[in-house]
Every structure is written in structure tokens, then in C-alpha cells.
Amino acid sequence: MPCAAVDIFRQAAELNRDDPLRTGNVVTLSPDCTVVCSGDIHGYRAGLAKIISHADLSADPNRRLILQEILHGPPDESAGFDRSIELLMRAARLKIEHPEQVLMIMGNHDLAQASGSEISKYGHGVCKAFVAGVRYAFSDDAEEVIRALDDLFMSMPLAVRCPGGTFISHSAPSPLKFDDACIDILSRTTTLDDMQRNRPAYNWVWGRRHTEEFLEDLASKLDVSFFLMAHQHTDAGYDVISPRAAVVLSDHARGYIAEFDADQDISGGNIKQHLKPLSSL
């Protein structure tokens, strides 16, 4: 009997690729949408549950829930291994239930898992720990589930563009790693070669140390006004790193989400008005 999880992950991947609002690696929202954007989730079960409940997608077809880096959480206290596969299953089911409303953008952990590389966190290799959790959960079907998950990760766009000028991506290329290929990949889909170190997709999801000057230049190149990102750790749950950019994380109890109308300009100091702590949801 076919494994139901395989079908769920492959359906979600197909919906990612076939999004009618997607061109290449960017999904462009319509102006009548309300955006609920998470930061990294990293297996934070309570946080994901709060975010999904708050988004309440069934109540409003114009709400758009943006999720990123659901995988690679700390070892479960009772089980002793990474159980973030369960959160990915929930997100994939939600995508199938609300295909136009749920958007999953690629992060560096998704890229690492799909490309066969490794990330050290929590004192161990999280990609290896994730695979161990999948094998525990699915036993004989695990390898097929892993292939379906890789398909899901590969299908994720790099960014969501809002008509008000906000560009939502997991990160942006580091200034020293930026070149024309980083712009070109936004207009096409990601290949495995793009995911290798210092290649375009890798540079988009791994970038750090963004200067105000670089962000101003990148905003001009992309014709956007503000970058809403994650990736960079902050204990506070968010960090406004320049008038052009902010970082939001949702992977701990002090985490935040961003919520705003897609046609709003949230640049400058406006972003703080649209940040909500997970504790308030």
C-alpha cells in the first residue's frame, strides 16, 4: 500500500510549483491580501500551532500564511530525536487544504536537507538527526518519504513579493556574494546546482552581514521598498536591521510574526506596528 505521507508531500510540492501567481522563484501577491508571515519555526510545535490558529485561513480567503524553516528542531525531550517531520506534515496538509493561502519559502535548512549537506546546531548535525526521525516515524517507507520531502523542499520559491513593496525571503545574498546570478535565479526555478555552496540559491538563503548601503542598492535593483527576512538569530524575536529590512523569528517562546496588508508600505519605522509576539496569539 502506498505511503500516505509520500502522496501528501508530493501534492504540496506540485501545488508550490503550479501556483498561478508564481513566476520563476517569486510568488507575487494580489493587493487585497492580508499577510501573516512567520520566521524560522525549527520544530517549535507550540509556535506553529499558534500561528496556524491565528491565521484562521478558513475564516478569510484573502489571508496568506507564509511559513519557513519548519524542519530541524531540537531533540524531543521524551523521544530523544527530531520530530519536526510531524510539523512538516501538518504544514503540507494545510497547503493542500488551502493551496492559494499557504506559501512555504525556501530557507537554508530546507536547502541543506535537499542538497545532502549538513548544518551543526543543538550540538549535532541536524540533517542527519532529521533523517533519523523520519526513519523512526516511517520505517520501511522512510526512504520514499525522504525523496518526497526533498521534492517539497526543491519546489519552494525563494521569495514572495507584495504589491506594497515588501519582499519576503528567508535572507538575501551577502554583499560579497552578490552577483547577477542572484537576480537571474529569481526568474527561474531552482536546480540542485543552484543549491551548492556559493551558487545563487545558496547565496539567497545563507546571506548575512547586510549593510544599509547594500540593502538600498538591492531594493533599487528589485524595485522593492522593504525586505522581511528570518535566518539571523535574535533572542528578542525580531530585529530591525535597517530602514529597508527586518528579521523575524518564530522558533522560541519570545518569537514574533509579521502581519500586514499586502498593499501596505511597511518600510522605515512602520514595520514595528505590524509585529506580533507569539505570546499574544
Protein backbone atom coordinates (compact mmCIF):
# COMPACT_ATOMS: atom_id res chain seq x y z
CA MET A 1 0.00 0.00 0.00
CA PRO A 2 1.44 3.44 -0.93
CA CYS A 3 2.54 5.59 1.99
CA ALA A 4 0.06 8.42 2.58
CA ALA A 5 2.83 10.80 3.66
CA VAL A 6 4.56 10.46 0.30
CA ASP A 7 1.40 11.49 -1.50
CA ILE A 8 0.85 14.44 0.86
CA PHE A 9 4.37 15.83 0.42
CA ARG A 10 4.31 15.36 -3.34
CA GLN A 11 0.89 17.03 -3.62
CA ALA A 12 2.18 20.00 -1.63
CA ALA A 13 5.27 20.19 -3.87
CA GLU A 14 3.14 20.17 -7.01
CA LEU A 15 0.97 22.96 -5.61
CA ASN A 16 4.10 25.01 -4.85
CA ARG A 17 5.34 24.63 -8.41
CA ASP A 18 1.95 25.24 -10.04
CA ASP A 19 0.98 28.36 -8.08
CA PRO A 20 -0.69 30.62 -10.68
CA LEU A 21 0.87 33.69 -9.03
CA ARG A 22 4.38 32.29 -9.25
CA THR A 23 6.92 33.34 -11.85
CA GLY A 24 10.23 31.57 -11.54
CA ASN A 25 11.18 31.72 -7.87
CA VAL A 26 8.84 34.54 -6.82
CA VAL A 27 5.16 34.49 -5.86
CA THR A 28 3.52 37.91 -6.34
CA LEU A 29 0.50 38.54 -4.12
CA SER A 30 -2.60 40.49 -5.06
CA PRO A 31 -3.24 43.80 -3.25
CA ASP A 32 -6.36 42.59 -1.44
CA CYS A 33 -4.44 40.05 0.68
CA THR A 34 -3.57 40.15 4.36
CA VAL A 35 -0.14 38.61 5.03
CA VAL A 36 0.67 36.54 8.12
CA CYS A 37 4.40 35.83 7.95
CA SER A 38 6.33 33.54 10.26
CA GLY A 39 10.05 33.48 10.79
CA ASP A 40 12.04 30.29 11.28
CA ILE A 41 9.98 27.66 13.12
CA HIS A 42 12.55 24.87 13.60
CA GLY A 43 10.28 22.29 15.16
CA TYR A 44 8.67 24.73 17.62
CA ARG A 45 5.36 22.89 17.86
CA ALA A 46 3.54 25.35 20.12
CA GLY A 47 4.59 28.26 17.91
CA LEU A 48 3.37 26.66 14.69
CA ALA A 49 0.05 25.75 16.33
CA LYS A 50 -0.43 29.35 17.47
CA ILE A 51 0.45 30.77 14.06
CA ILE A 52 -1.94 28.46 12.20
CA SER A 53 -4.73 29.15 14.68
CA HIS A 54 -4.17 32.90 14.44
CA ALA A 55 -4.12 32.88 10.64
CA ASP A 56 -7.56 31.18 10.67
CA LEU A 57 -7.45 30.63 6.92
CA SER A 58 -10.94 29.18 6.66
CA ALA A 59 -12.43 32.39 8.03
CA ASP A 60 -10.94 34.69 5.38
CA PRO A 61 -9.95 33.56 1.87
CA ASN A 62 -7.82 36.68 1.43
CA ARG A 63 -5.38 35.77 4.20
CA ARG A 64 -1.97 34.45 3.14
CA LEU A 65 0.14 32.44 5.58
CA ILE A 66 3.87 32.39 4.82
CA LEU A 67 5.87 29.64 6.55
CA GLN A 68 9.59 28.94 6.53
CA GLU A 69 12.09 26.50 8.02
CA ILE A 70 9.61 24.24 9.75
CA LEU A 71 12.18 21.42 9.98
CA HIS A 72 15.23 20.83 12.19
CA GLY A 73 14.13 21.27 15.76
CA PRO A 74 15.92 20.25 18.95
CA PRO A 75 15.65 16.59 20.02
CA ASP A 76 12.25 15.85 21.54
CA GLU A 77 12.58 15.50 25.33
CA SER A 78 10.52 12.33 25.51
CA ALA A 79 11.51 10.64 22.23
CA GLY A 80 15.12 11.81 22.06
CA PHE A 81 15.10 12.59 18.32
CA ASP A 82 13.96 15.30 15.90
CA ARG A 83 10.20 15.10 15.38
CA SER A 84 9.85 18.12 13.08
CA ILE A 85 8.64 15.77 10.33
CA GLU A 86 5.29 15.93 12.14
CA LEU A 87 5.16 19.70 11.76
CA LEU A 88 6.05 19.44 8.09
CA MET A 89 3.19 17.00 7.65
CA ARG A 90 0.80 19.46 9.25
CA ALA A 91 2.03 22.30 7.03
CA ALA A 92 1.79 20.16 3.88
CA ARG A 93 -1.78 19.15 4.73
CA LEU A 94 -2.63 22.80 5.30
CA LYS A 95 -1.17 23.64 1.89
CA ILE A 96 -3.38 21.02 0.27
CA GLU A 97 -6.43 22.29 2.16
CA HIS A 98 -5.69 25.95 1.33
CA PRO A 99 -3.46 25.85 -1.77
CA GLU A 100 -3.62 29.57 -2.59
CA GLN A 101 -3.36 30.73 1.02
CA VAL A 102 -0.35 28.79 2.32
CA LEU A 103 3.09 29.69 0.99
CA MET A 104 6.29 27.92 2.03
CA ILE A 105 9.50 29.72 1.11
CA MET A 106 12.90 28.05 1.00
CA GLY A 107 15.37 28.52 3.85
CA ASN A 108 18.95 27.40 4.30
CA HIS A 109 17.89 24.35 6.32
CA ASP A 110 15.49 23.22 3.58
CA LEU A 111 18.27 23.71 1.05
CA ALA A 112 20.78 21.77 3.17
CA GLN A 113 18.39 18.86 3.63
CA ALA A 114 17.55 18.59 -0.06
CA SER A 115 21.12 19.07 -1.30
CA GLY A 116 22.66 16.48 1.03
CA SER A 117 24.80 18.90 3.03
CA GLU A 118 24.86 19.33 6.81
CA ILE A 119 24.29 22.03 9.43
CA SER A 120 25.56 21.80 13.01
CA LYS A 121 23.07 23.00 15.61
CA TYR A 122 21.98 21.82 19.06
CA GLY A 123 25.38 20.11 19.30
CA HIS A 124 24.84 17.73 16.38
CA GLY A 125 24.19 17.54 12.64
CA VAL A 126 20.54 18.48 12.21
CA CYS A 127 20.13 16.99 8.72
CA LYS A 128 21.29 13.60 9.96
CA ALA A 129 19.05 13.89 13.04
CA PHE A 130 16.07 14.78 10.84
CA VAL A 131 16.61 11.72 8.65
CA ALA A 132 16.82 9.56 11.79
CA GLY A 133 13.47 10.96 12.90
CA VAL A 134 11.90 10.24 9.51
CA ARG A 135 13.22 6.67 9.59
CA TYR A 136 11.83 6.16 13.08
CA ALA A 137 8.43 7.50 12.06
CA PHE A 138 8.09 5.70 8.72
CA SER A 139 10.26 2.61 8.99
CA ASP A 140 10.23 0.73 5.66
CA ASP A 141 8.69 3.71 3.84
CA ALA A 142 11.25 6.20 5.14
CA GLU A 143 13.43 6.42 2.03
CA GLU A 144 10.45 7.13 -0.19
CA VAL A 145 9.24 9.77 2.29
CA ILE A 146 12.69 11.39 2.28
CA ARG A 147 12.62 11.60 -1.53
CA ALA A 148 9.16 13.20 -1.38
CA LEU A 149 10.40 15.68 1.21
CA ASP A 150 13.35 16.60 -1.00
CA ASP A 151 10.84 17.26 -3.78
CA LEU A 152 8.88 19.51 -1.41
CA PHE A 153 11.99 21.48 -0.40
CA MET A 154 13.09 21.86 -4.04
CA SER A 155 9.64 23.14 -5.00
CA MET A 156 9.68 26.05 -2.55
CA PRO A 157 10.02 29.54 -4.05
CA LEU A 158 12.76 31.84 -2.81
CA ALA A 159 10.54 34.85 -2.24
CA VAL A 160 7.10 36.43 -2.02
CA ARG A 161 6.61 39.90 -3.46
CA CYS A 162 3.88 42.16 -2.05
CA PRO A 163 2.34 45.00 -4.12
CA GLY A 164 3.06 47.46 -1.29
CA GLY A 165 6.78 46.96 -1.84
CA THR A 166 7.68 44.28 0.71
CA PHE A 167 9.90 41.43 -0.46
CA ILE A 168 9.72 38.38 1.81
CA SER A 169 12.61 35.92 1.64
CA HIS A 170 14.47 33.80 4.15
CA SER A 171 17.52 36.02 3.73
CA ALA A 172 19.30 37.93 0.98
CA PRO A 173 22.73 37.41 -0.54
CA SER A 174 25.67 38.67 1.50
CA PRO A 175 27.18 41.79 -0.10
CA LEU A 176 30.41 39.98 -1.03
CA LYS A 177 28.48 37.05 -2.56
CA PHE A 178 26.09 39.08 -4.68
CA ASP A 179 26.28 38.96 -8.49
CA ASP A 180 23.95 38.96 -11.48
CA ALA A 181 23.15 35.26 -10.97
CA CYS A 182 21.45 36.16 -7.69
CA ILE A 183 18.98 38.28 -9.66
CA ASP A 184 18.63 35.81 -12.51
CA ILE A 185 17.58 32.92 -10.27
CA LEU A 186 14.51 34.86 -9.15
CA SER A 187 13.11 34.50 -12.67
CA ARG A 188 13.57 30.71 -12.90
CA THR A 189 13.22 27.63 -10.71
CA THR A 190 15.95 26.16 -8.55
CA THR A 191 18.21 23.31 -9.62
CA LEU A 192 20.48 21.16 -7.46
CA ASP A 193 23.46 23.00 -8.88
CA ASP A 194 21.96 26.30 -7.67
CA MET A 195 21.90 24.86 -4.14
CA GLN A 196 25.62 24.18 -3.90
CA ARG A 197 27.91 26.41 -1.86
CA ASN A 198 28.26 29.94 -3.31
CA ARG A 199 25.71 29.24 -6.02
CA PRO A 200 22.65 31.51 -6.45
CA ALA A 201 20.03 29.72 -4.30
CA TYR A 202 22.62 29.02 -1.62
CA ASN A 203 23.57 32.69 -1.51
CA TRP A 204 19.94 33.81 -1.16
CA VAL A 205 19.16 31.62 1.84
CA TRP A 206 22.53 31.80 3.64
CA GLY A 207 23.29 35.52 3.38
CA ARG A 208 24.28 37.62 6.41
CA ARG A 209 26.03 40.91 7.26
CA HIS A 210 23.75 43.08 5.13
CA THR A 211 24.81 46.71 5.19
CA GLU A 212 22.38 49.61 4.79
CA GLU A 213 24.13 50.60 1.58
CA PHE A 214 23.79 47.10 0.12
CA LEU A 215 20.11 46.83 1.06
CA GLU A 216 19.39 50.21 -0.53
CA ASP A 217 21.07 49.06 -3.74
CA LEU A 218 19.33 45.68 -3.74
CA ALA A 219 15.95 47.32 -3.11
CA SER A 220 16.54 49.54 -6.13
CA LYS A 221 17.56 46.58 -8.31
CA LEU A 222 14.44 44.61 -7.35
CA ASP A 223 12.10 47.64 -7.27
CA VAL A 224 11.02 46.95 -3.69
CA SER A 225 10.94 49.09 -0.55
CA PHE A 226 11.48 46.60 2.28
CA PHE A 227 12.98 43.16 2.97
CA LEU A 228 11.25 40.96 5.54
CA MET A 229 13.63 38.14 6.40
CA ALA A 230 14.43 35.49 9.02
CA HIS A 231 17.61 33.37 9.33
CA GLN A 232 19.65 35.64 11.60
CA HIS A 233 19.31 34.69 15.26
CA THR A 234 17.96 37.19 17.74
CA ASP A 235 16.87 36.41 21.30
CA ALA A 236 14.40 39.28 21.09
CA GLY A 237 12.43 37.54 18.32
CA TYR A 238 12.88 40.37 15.83
CA ASP A 239 15.49 42.88 14.77
CA VAL A 240 15.08 45.93 12.55
CA ILE A 241 18.46 45.84 10.82
CA SER A 242 17.96 48.91 8.63
CA PRO A 243 15.17 51.18 7.35
CA ARG A 244 14.98 48.67 4.48
CA ALA A 245 14.94 45.37 6.38
CA ALA A 246 13.85 43.45 9.44
CA VAL A 247 14.41 39.92 10.73
CA VAL A 248 11.57 37.96 12.36
CA LEU A 249 11.94 34.61 14.15
CA SER A 250 9.20 32.25 15.36
CA ASP A 251 11.23 29.39 16.81
CA HIS A 252 11.05 30.17 20.53
CA ALA A 253 8.62 31.48 23.14
CA ARG A 254 9.80 35.08 22.61
CA GLY A 255 9.28 34.81 18.87
CA TYR A 256 7.21 37.03 16.60
CA ILE A 257 5.22 37.05 13.39
CA ALA A 258 4.59 39.93 11.00
CA GLU A 259 1.07 40.77 9.86
CA PHE A 260 0.13 43.44 7.34
CA ASP A 261 -1.96 44.17 4.26
CA ALA A 262 -0.11 43.20 1.11
CA ASP A 263 -0.52 46.67 -0.40
CA GLN A 264 0.92 48.48 2.64
CA ASP A 265 4.35 50.08 2.72
CA ILE A 266 6.00 48.75 5.90
CA SER A 267 9.44 50.27 5.31
CA GLY A 268 11.22 52.59 7.69
CA GLY A 269 9.77 52.55 11.19
CA ASN A 270 6.41 51.16 10.05
CA ILE A 271 7.38 47.51 10.49
CA LYS A 272 7.16 47.62 14.29
CA GLN A 273 3.45 48.36 14.05
CA HIS A 274 3.00 45.04 12.27
CA LEU A 275 4.97 42.71 14.56
CA LYS A 276 3.09 40.46 16.96
CA PRO A 277 4.66 38.31 19.70
CA LEU A 278 3.70 34.64 19.65
CA SER A 279 2.77 35.00 23.31
CA SER A 280 -0.10 37.29 22.29
CA LEU A 281 -1.65 34.95 19.70
